[in-house]
Amino acid sequence: MIDIENYKENVSIPRPPDVVTILWQRNPLDRRAPRTIVEATVIGSARPCQQLLQNGKRYRTAAECLLDNGFKQITNERLGVFGIAVFVRNS
């Protein structure tokens, strides 16, 4: 017979993944201009990169931080001078 009380103590519900979406833009008059963040949304946690996800910050710096801290880039779609990138980290 299984001891239900003991079994409950050993079971844990996994944490959902951390998800970061970034809307970025590039100056259409200067193709060499860096991409900058227009808006970022975080579901879960973006630590330690949270401060880099603010409006006006460089997209590349934020993306490199996320990738260096366990996130994987799921998509990066260009929409003219704008783009959307999605990063996911399983905990």
N, C-alpha and C. Protein backbone atom coordinates (compact mmCIF):
# COMPACT_ATOMS: atom_id res chain seq x y z
N MET A 1 0.84 -1.17 0.00
CA MET A 1 0.00 0.00 0.00
C MET A 1 0.90 1.25 0.00
N ILE A 2 0.48 2.28 -0.74
CA ILE A 2 1.25 3.52 -0.85
C ILE A 2 0.83 4.48 0.25
N ASP A 3 1.83 5.06 0.90
CA ASP A 3 1.57 6.06 1.93
C ASP A 3 1.33 7.41 1.22
N ILE A 4 0.07 7.82 1.10
CA ILE A 4 -0.30 9.02 0.35
C ILE A 4 0.34 10.27 0.93
N GLU A 5 0.37 10.42 2.24
CA GLU A 5 0.95 11.62 2.85
C GLU A 5 2.42 11.76 2.49
N ASN A 6 3.18 10.69 2.54
CA ASN A 6 4.60 10.71 2.18
C ASN A 6 4.76 10.99 0.69
N TYR A 7 3.90 10.44 -0.12
CA TYR A 7 3.96 10.63 -1.57
C TYR A 7 3.74 12.10 -1.93
N LYS A 8 2.81 12.77 -1.27
CA LYS A 8 2.53 14.18 -1.53
C LYS A 8 3.73 15.06 -1.24
N GLU A 9 4.49 14.72 -0.23
CA GLU A 9 5.65 15.53 0.14
C GLU A 9 6.76 15.45 -0.91
N ASN A 10 6.83 14.37 -1.65
CA ASN A 10 7.90 14.17 -2.63
C ASN A 10 7.53 14.67 -4.02
N VAL A 11 6.30 15.12 -4.22
CA VAL A 11 5.85 15.58 -5.52
C VAL A 11 5.88 17.10 -5.55
N SER A 12 6.44 17.64 -6.62
CA SER A 12 6.43 19.10 -6.76
C SER A 12 5.94 19.47 -8.15
N ILE A 13 5.26 20.56 -8.23
CA ILE A 13 4.79 21.06 -9.51
C ILE A 13 5.92 21.88 -10.13
N PRO A 14 6.29 21.58 -11.36
CA PRO A 14 7.39 22.35 -11.97
C PRO A 14 7.00 23.81 -12.19
N ARG A 15 7.99 24.68 -12.10
CA ARG A 15 7.76 26.10 -12.37
C ARG A 15 7.56 26.31 -13.85
N PRO A 16 6.68 27.22 -14.24
CA PRO A 16 6.54 27.53 -15.66
C PRO A 16 7.81 28.23 -16.16
N PRO A 17 8.05 28.21 -17.45
CA PRO A 17 9.25 28.87 -17.98
C PRO A 17 9.16 30.39 -17.86
N ASP A 18 10.32 31.02 -17.84
CA ASP A 18 10.39 32.48 -17.91
C ASP A 18 10.32 32.85 -19.39
N VAL A 19 9.54 33.88 -19.71
CA VAL A 19 9.37 34.29 -21.11
C VAL A 19 9.59 35.80 -21.19
N VAL A 20 10.39 36.22 -22.17
CA VAL A 20 10.63 37.64 -22.41
C VAL A 20 10.33 37.93 -23.88
N THR A 21 9.47 38.91 -24.12
CA THR A 21 9.23 39.38 -25.48
C THR A 21 9.76 40.81 -25.58
N ILE A 22 10.41 41.09 -26.69
CA ILE A 22 10.99 42.42 -26.91
C ILE A 22 10.52 42.95 -28.26
N LEU A 23 9.95 44.14 -28.24
CA LEU A 23 9.65 44.87 -29.46
C LEU A 23 10.78 45.87 -29.64
N TRP A 24 11.48 45.78 -30.78
CA TRP A 24 12.62 46.67 -31.02
C TRP A 24 12.39 47.47 -32.30
N GLN A 25 13.19 48.53 -32.44
CA GLN A 25 13.12 49.36 -33.65
C GLN A 25 14.52 49.77 -34.08
N ARG A 26 14.61 50.12 -35.35
CA ARG A 26 15.88 50.63 -35.89
C ARG A 26 15.55 51.91 -36.66
N ASN A 27 16.44 52.88 -36.60
CA ASN A 27 16.26 54.13 -37.33
C ASN A 27 16.25 53.83 -38.83
N PRO A 28 15.17 54.12 -39.54
CA PRO A 28 15.09 53.80 -40.97
C PRO A 28 16.03 54.63 -41.83
N LEU A 29 16.53 55.74 -41.32
CA LEU A 29 17.42 56.60 -42.08
C LEU A 29 18.89 56.21 -41.96
N ASP A 30 19.19 55.34 -41.00
CA ASP A 30 20.57 54.92 -40.77
C ASP A 30 20.60 53.41 -40.54
N ARG A 31 20.94 52.65 -41.58
CA ARG A 31 20.95 51.18 -41.50
C ARG A 31 21.97 50.66 -40.48
N ARG A 32 22.95 51.48 -40.14
CA ARG A 32 23.96 51.06 -39.17
C ARG A 32 23.57 51.39 -37.74
N ALA A 33 22.45 52.08 -37.56
CA ALA A 33 22.01 52.45 -36.22
C ALA A 33 21.66 51.18 -35.44
N PRO A 34 21.97 51.17 -34.15
CA PRO A 34 21.65 49.99 -33.35
C PRO A 34 20.14 49.84 -33.16
N ARG A 35 19.71 48.62 -32.98
CA ARG A 35 18.31 48.37 -32.64
C ARG A 35 18.10 48.76 -31.19
N THR A 36 17.01 49.44 -30.91
CA THR A 36 16.70 49.83 -29.54
C THR A 36 15.35 49.25 -29.12
N ILE A 37 15.20 49.06 -27.84
CA ILE A 37 13.98 48.47 -27.29
C ILE A 37 12.88 49.52 -27.25
N VAL A 38 11.71 49.15 -27.78
CA VAL A 38 10.52 49.99 -27.69
C VAL A 38 9.72 49.57 -26.46
N GLU A 39 9.59 48.25 -26.29
CA GLU A 39 8.87 47.72 -25.13
C GLU A 39 9.30 46.28 -24.89
N ALA A 40 9.35 45.89 -23.64
CA ALA A 40 9.66 44.51 -23.28
C ALA A 40 8.63 44.03 -22.26
N THR A 41 8.26 42.76 -22.41
CA THR A 41 7.31 42.14 -21.49
C THR A 41 7.98 40.91 -20.89
N VAL A 42 7.85 40.76 -19.58
CA VAL A 42 8.46 39.63 -18.88
C VAL A 42 7.36 38.83 -18.18
N ILE A 43 7.33 37.54 -18.43
CA ILE A 43 6.47 36.63 -17.69
C ILE A 43 7.41 35.75 -16.88
N GLY A 44 7.30 35.81 -15.59
CA GLY A 44 8.23 35.11 -14.71
C GLY A 44 9.33 36.06 -14.30
N SER A 45 10.56 35.71 -14.62
CA SER A 45 11.72 36.50 -14.23
C SER A 45 12.68 36.67 -15.40
N ALA A 46 13.33 37.82 -15.45
CA ALA A 46 14.38 38.06 -16.45
C ALA A 46 15.72 38.31 -15.77
N ARG A 47 15.81 37.97 -14.49
CA ARG A 47 17.05 38.20 -13.76
C ARG A 47 18.20 37.47 -14.41
N PRO A 48 19.34 38.07 -14.49
CA PRO A 48 19.76 39.37 -13.98
C PRO A 48 19.69 40.48 -15.04
N CYS A 49 18.88 40.31 -16.06
CA CYS A 49 18.87 41.22 -17.21
C CYS A 49 17.75 42.26 -17.17
N GLN A 50 16.98 42.30 -16.11
CA GLN A 50 15.80 43.16 -16.03
C GLN A 50 16.10 44.61 -16.38
N GLN A 51 17.19 45.15 -15.85
CA GLN A 51 17.51 46.57 -16.07
C GLN A 51 17.83 46.89 -17.54
N LEU A 52 18.21 45.88 -18.30
CA LEU A 52 18.57 46.10 -19.71
C LEU A 52 17.35 46.09 -20.63
N LEU A 53 16.18 45.77 -20.10
CA LEU A 53 14.97 45.62 -20.90
C LEU A 53 14.09 46.87 -20.90
N GLN A 54 14.68 48.01 -20.72
CA GLN A 54 13.93 49.25 -20.65
C GLN A 54 13.89 49.95 -22.00
N ASN A 55 12.84 50.73 -22.20
CA ASN A 55 12.65 51.51 -23.43
C ASN A 55 13.89 52.36 -23.71
N GLY A 56 14.39 52.28 -24.94
CA GLY A 56 15.55 53.07 -25.35
C GLY A 56 16.88 52.37 -25.19
N LYS A 57 16.93 51.28 -24.44
CA LYS A 57 18.18 50.53 -24.27
C LYS A 57 18.47 49.72 -25.54
N ARG A 58 19.72 49.34 -25.72
CA ARG A 58 20.12 48.57 -26.90
C ARG A 58 19.60 47.14 -26.84
N TYR A 59 18.98 46.73 -27.95
CA TYR A 59 18.44 45.38 -28.04
C TYR A 59 19.55 44.34 -27.93
N ARG A 60 20.65 44.55 -28.63
CA ARG A 60 21.73 43.55 -28.66
C ARG A 60 22.28 43.27 -27.26
N THR A 61 22.47 44.30 -26.46
CA THR A 61 22.98 44.13 -25.11
C THR A 61 22.01 43.28 -24.28
N ALA A 62 20.72 43.57 -24.38
CA ALA A 62 19.71 42.81 -23.64
C ALA A 62 19.65 41.36 -24.12
N ALA A 63 19.68 41.17 -25.43
CA ALA A 63 19.62 39.81 -25.99
C ALA A 63 20.82 38.98 -25.56
N GLU A 64 22.01 39.56 -25.59
CA GLU A 64 23.22 38.84 -25.17
C GLU A 64 23.14 38.46 -23.70
N CYS A 65 22.61 39.35 -22.86
CA CYS A 65 22.46 39.06 -21.44
C CYS A 65 21.50 37.88 -21.24
N LEU A 66 20.36 37.93 -21.92
CA LEU A 66 19.39 36.84 -21.80
C LEU A 66 20.01 35.51 -22.23
N LEU A 67 20.69 35.50 -23.37
CA LEU A 67 21.31 34.26 -23.88
C LEU A 67 22.39 33.74 -22.94
N ASP A 68 23.14 34.66 -22.33
CA ASP A 68 24.20 34.26 -21.39
C ASP A 68 23.65 33.74 -20.07
N ASN A 69 22.35 33.95 -19.83
CA ASN A 69 21.75 33.56 -18.55
C ASN A 69 20.65 32.52 -18.71
N GLY A 70 20.82 31.64 -19.67
CA GLY A 70 19.96 30.47 -19.79
C GLY A 70 18.76 30.59 -20.69
N PHE A 71 18.53 31.76 -21.28
CA PHE A 71 17.41 31.91 -22.20
C PHE A 71 17.79 31.39 -23.58
N LYS A 72 16.79 30.91 -24.30
CA LYS A 72 16.96 30.54 -25.71
C LYS A 72 16.06 31.44 -26.53
N GLN A 73 16.59 31.90 -27.66
CA GLN A 73 15.78 32.75 -28.53
C GLN A 73 14.89 31.86 -29.38
N ILE A 74 13.59 32.04 -29.24
CA ILE A 74 12.62 31.23 -29.96
C ILE A 74 12.32 31.81 -31.33
N THR A 75 12.23 33.13 -31.41
CA THR A 75 11.96 33.78 -32.69
C THR A 75 12.50 35.20 -32.68
N ASN A 76 12.74 35.72 -33.88
CA ASN A 76 13.13 37.12 -34.08
C ASN A 76 12.61 37.51 -35.46
N GLU A 77 11.47 38.16 -35.47
CA GLU A 77 10.81 38.53 -36.73
C GLU A 77 10.97 40.02 -36.98
N ARG A 78 11.35 40.36 -38.22
CA ARG A 78 11.44 41.76 -38.62
C ARG A 78 10.13 42.20 -39.24
N LEU A 79 9.72 43.41 -38.89
CA LEU A 79 8.51 44.01 -39.43
C LEU A 79 8.87 45.42 -39.90
N GLY A 80 9.57 45.51 -41.00
CA GLY A 80 10.06 46.81 -41.46
C GLY A 80 11.17 47.29 -40.55
N VAL A 81 10.97 48.48 -39.96
CA VAL A 81 11.99 49.02 -39.05
C VAL A 81 11.80 48.49 -37.63
N PHE A 82 10.75 47.70 -37.42
CA PHE A 82 10.49 47.10 -36.11
C PHE A 82 10.78 45.61 -36.15
N GLY A 83 10.86 45.02 -34.97
CA GLY A 83 11.03 43.58 -34.88
C GLY A 83 10.53 43.09 -33.53
N ILE A 84 10.23 41.80 -33.48
CA ILE A 84 9.77 41.17 -32.25
C ILE A 84 10.64 39.96 -31.99
N ALA A 85 11.16 39.85 -30.79
CA ALA A 85 11.98 38.70 -30.39
C ALA A 85 11.37 38.08 -29.14
N VAL A 86 11.41 36.75 -29.09
CA VAL A 86 10.89 36.01 -27.93
C VAL A 86 11.99 35.11 -27.39
N PHE A 87 12.20 35.17 -26.07
CA PHE A 87 13.21 34.36 -25.38
C PHE A 87 12.51 33.54 -24.30
N VAL A 88 12.95 32.29 -24.11
CA VAL A 88 12.36 31.40 -23.11
C VAL A 88 13.48 30.75 -22.30
N ARG A 89 13.25 30.64 -20.98
CA ARG A 89 14.19 29.96 -20.09
C ARG A 89 13.40 28.99 -19.22
N ASN A 90 13.75 27.71 -19.29
CA ASN A 90 13.14 26.73 -18.40
C ASN A 90 13.89 26.71 -17.09
N SER A 91 13.14 26.69 -16.01
CA SER A 91 13.80 26.73 -14.70
C SER A 91 13.98 25.35 -14.13
